[in-house]
Structure formats: structure tokens, C-alpha cells
C-alpha atoms as a PDB file:
ATOM      1  CA  MET A   1     119.445-151.061  90.681  1.00  0.00           C
ATOM      2  CA  TYR A   2     120.669-148.080  88.689  1.00  0.00           C
ATOM      3  CA  ARG A   3     123.599-145.874  89.659  1.00  0.00           C
ATOM      4  CA  ILE A   4     123.977-142.228  88.749  1.00  0.00           C
ATOM      5  CA  LYS A   5     127.044-140.151  89.632  1.00  0.00           C
ATOM      6  CA  THR A   6     126.376-136.514  90.490  1.00  0.00           C
ATOM      7  CA  ARG A   7     128.779-133.960  91.955  1.00  0.00           C
ATOM      8  CA  GLY A   8     130.880-136.255  94.113  1.00  0.00           C
ATOM      9  CA  TYR A   9     127.936-138.365  95.196  1.00  0.00           C
ATOM     10  CA  GLN A  10     126.575-141.601  93.863  1.00  0.00           C
ATOM     11  CA  THR A  11     122.809-141.851  93.822  1.00  0.00           C
ATOM     12  CA  ARG A  12     121.374-145.350  93.906  1.00  0.00           C
ATOM     13  CA  ILE A  13     117.925-145.702  92.469  1.00  0.00           C
ATOM     14  CA  PHE A  14     116.366-149.083  93.141  1.00  0.00           C
ATOM     15  CA  SER A  15     114.219-150.379  90.317  1.00  0.00           C
ATOM     16  CA  GLY A  16     110.549-150.507  91.188  1.00  0.00           C
ATOM     17  CA  ASP A  17     111.155-148.257  94.186  1.00  0.00           C
ATOM     18  CA  THR A  18     110.977-144.504  94.601  1.00  0.00           C
ATOM     19  CA  ARG A  19     113.677-144.149  97.248  1.00  0.00           C
ATOM     20  CA  LYS A  20     117.062-142.679  96.433  1.00  0.00           C
ATOM     21  CA  VAL A  21     120.146-143.125  98.575  1.00  0.00           C
ATOM     22  CA  ARG A  22     122.955-140.581  98.270  1.00  0.00           C
ATOM     23  CA  ILE A  23     126.341-142.096  98.986  1.00  0.00           C
ATOM     24  CA  PRO A  24     129.507-139.931  99.080  1.00  0.00           C
ATOM     25  CA  MET A  25     132.025-140.971  96.428  1.00  0.00           C
ATOM     26  CA  THR A  26     135.495-141.960  97.586  1.00  0.00           C
ATOM     27  CA  GLU A  27     138.599-143.079  95.777  1.00  0.00           C
ATOM     28  CA  LEU A  28     138.466-146.391  97.649  1.00  0.00           C
ATOM     29  CA  PRO A  29     136.430-149.229  96.165  1.00  0.00           C
ATOM     30  CA  ILE A  30     133.486-150.237  98.323  1.00  0.00           C
ATOM     31  CA  ALA A  31     133.853-154.054  98.083  1.00  0.00           C
ATOM     32  CA  PRO A  32     137.266-154.294  99.820  1.00  0.00           C
ATOM     33  CA  VAL A  33     136.067-151.989 102.609  1.00  0.00           C
ATOM     34  CA  ASN A  34     133.015-154.209 103.026  1.00  0.00           C
ATOM     35  CA  ARG A  35     135.303-157.268 103.257  1.00  0.00           C
ATOM     36  CA  LEU A  36     137.416-155.546 105.923  1.00  0.00           C
ATOM     37  CA  ILE A  37     134.355-154.961 108.070  1.00  0.00           C
ATOM     38  CA  ARG A  38     133.189-158.552 107.569  1.00  0.00           C
ATOM     39  CA  GLN A  39     136.631-159.863 108.613  1.00  0.00           C
ATOM     40  CA  THR A  40     135.900-158.475 112.084  1.00  0.00           C
ATOM     41  CA  GLY A  41     133.028-160.930 112.371  1.00  0.00           C
ATOM     42  CA  ALA A  42     130.108-158.765 111.251  1.00  0.00           C
ATOM     43  CA  GLU A  43     127.495-160.850 109.469  1.00  0.00           C
ATOM     44  CA  ARG A  44     125.629-157.947 107.905  1.00  0.00           C
ATOM     45  CA  VAL A  45     126.985-154.528 106.979  1.00  0.00           C
ATOM     46  CA  SER A  46     124.931-151.553 105.847  1.00  0.00           C
ATOM     47  CA  SER A  47     126.017-149.570 102.807  1.00  0.00           C
ATOM     48  CA  ASP A  48     126.104-146.454 105.012  1.00  0.00           C
ATOM     49  CA  ALA A  49     128.627-148.151 107.314  1.00  0.00           C
ATOM     50  CA  VAL A  50     130.830-149.153 104.388  1.00  0.00           C
ATOM     51  CA  SER A  51     130.695-145.619 102.947  1.00  0.00           C
ATOM     52  CA  ALA A  52     131.478-144.063 106.328  1.00  0.00           C
ATOM     53  CA  LEU A  53     134.524-146.289 106.853  1.00  0.00           C
ATOM     54  CA  ALA A  54     135.733-145.631 103.291  1.00  0.00           C
ATOM     55  CA  GLU A  55     135.514-141.868 103.921  1.00  0.00           C
ATOM     56  CA  ILE A  56     137.408-142.155 107.216  1.00  0.00           C
ATOM     57  CA  MET A  57     140.091-144.341 105.640  1.00  0.00           C
ATOM     58  CA  GLU A  58     140.483-141.908 102.762  1.00  0.00           C
ATOM     59  CA  GLU A  59     140.775-138.881 105.063  1.00  0.00           C
ATOM     60  CA  TYR A  60     143.420-140.622 107.190  1.00  0.00           C
ATOM     61  CA  GLY A  61     145.294-141.833 104.097  1.00  0.00           C
ATOM     62  CA  ILE A  62     145.453-138.293 102.720  1.00  0.00           C
ATOM     63  CA  LYS A  63     146.822-136.984 106.040  1.00  0.00           C
ATOM     64  CA  VAL A  64     149.509-139.685 106.065  1.00  0.00           C
ATOM     65  CA  ALA A  65     150.412-139.030 102.416  1.00  0.00           C
ATOM     66  CA  LYS A  66     150.751-135.276 103.010  1.00  0.00           C
ATOM     67  CA  GLU A  67     152.994-135.825 106.018  1.00  0.00           C
ATOM     68  CA  ALA A  68     155.062-138.377 104.062  1.00  0.00           C
ATOM     69  CA  GLN A  69     155.493-135.866 101.244  1.00  0.00           C
ATOM     70  CA  LYS A  70     156.795-133.293 103.742  1.00  0.00           C
ATOM     71  CA  LEU A  71     159.296-135.856 105.037  1.00  0.00           C
ATOM     72  CA  ALA A  72     160.504-136.659 101.516  1.00  0.00           C
ATOM     73  CA  ILE A  73     160.927-132.974 100.658  1.00  0.00           C
ATOM     74  CA  HIS A  74     162.759-132.382 103.936  1.00  0.00           C
ATOM     75  CA  SER A  75     165.139-135.223 102.978  1.00  0.00           C
ATOM     76  CA  GLY A  76     165.783-133.587  99.589  1.00  0.00           C
ATOM     77  CA  ARG A  77     163.801-136.141  97.599  1.00  0.00           C
ATOM     78  CA  LYS A  78     160.819-135.960  95.267  1.00  0.00           C
ATOM     79  CA  THR A  79     159.933-139.621  95.736  1.00  0.00           C
ATOM     80  CA  VAL A  80     157.829-140.697  98.702  1.00  0.00           C
ATOM     81  CA  THR A  81     159.093-144.017 100.037  1.00  0.00           C
ATOM     82  CA  ALA A  82     157.546-146.696 102.239  1.00  0.00           C
ATOM     83  CA  ARG A  83     159.779-145.452 105.049  1.00  0.00           C
ATOM     84  CA  ASP A  84     158.265-141.967 104.686  1.00  0.00           C
ATOM     85  CA  ILE A  85     154.769-143.447 104.938  1.00  0.00           C
ATOM     86  CA  ARG A  86     155.637-145.417 108.077  1.00  0.00           C
ATOM     87  CA  GLU A  87     157.328-142.406 109.705  1.00  0.00           C
ATOM     88  CA  ALA A  88     154.325-140.219 108.831  1.00  0.00           C
ATOM     89  CA  ARG A  89     152.008-142.785 110.427  1.00  0.00           C
ATOM     90  CA  ASP A  90     154.138-142.739 113.583  1.00  0.00           C
ATOM     91  CA  ILE A  91     154.144-138.933 113.679  1.00  0.00           C
ATOM     92  CA  LEU A  92     150.351-138.772 113.316  1.00  0.00           C
ATOM     93  CA  SER A  93     149.745-141.470 115.947  1.00  0.00           C
END
């Protein structure tokens, strides 16, 4: 299998095969996300499912981080703390 990165997407080209699969690139590594899904009891997990969960996790993480940054600024700090993250999570829930 060969991997080519193009404009925010990773294209997987399987050797000896003509099919290409475009997978959105995320900041999260795929293997830990795959392990999280398997910990729920899933025996098999498609790469599309792993990519979809990674995207969702990244989107939610960015929302929490932005809210935490607002809380830190409101408190007169430049540093985002674990408390800010937890409070942001509670606000968004």
C-alpha cells in the first residue's frame, strides 16, 4: 500500500489494485482512534469509521480549546489550564 498526501487528504493506493480511497487528514493519529473503537467491543472497524470518529473528535476538541482559551483570557491569563478545559467541556455540554 502506498500513501500520498494531497491538499488535506490522504490517498491510499493499494498495490496491484486500481482503487483509490480518499481519507480526510486529521491531527489525531488513526491507530489510537481505532483502539478506542475496538475497546467498545467491535471486532472489525472500517477505515472510514476510524476517519469519521477522528474528524468528530478533532472538531469537538477544537471547540473545547477555543472555549477554554476564552475562559483563560477572561481570567486575565495567557495560559490555558486543565481547569479551563474542564469548565469549557461543562459549558459546551
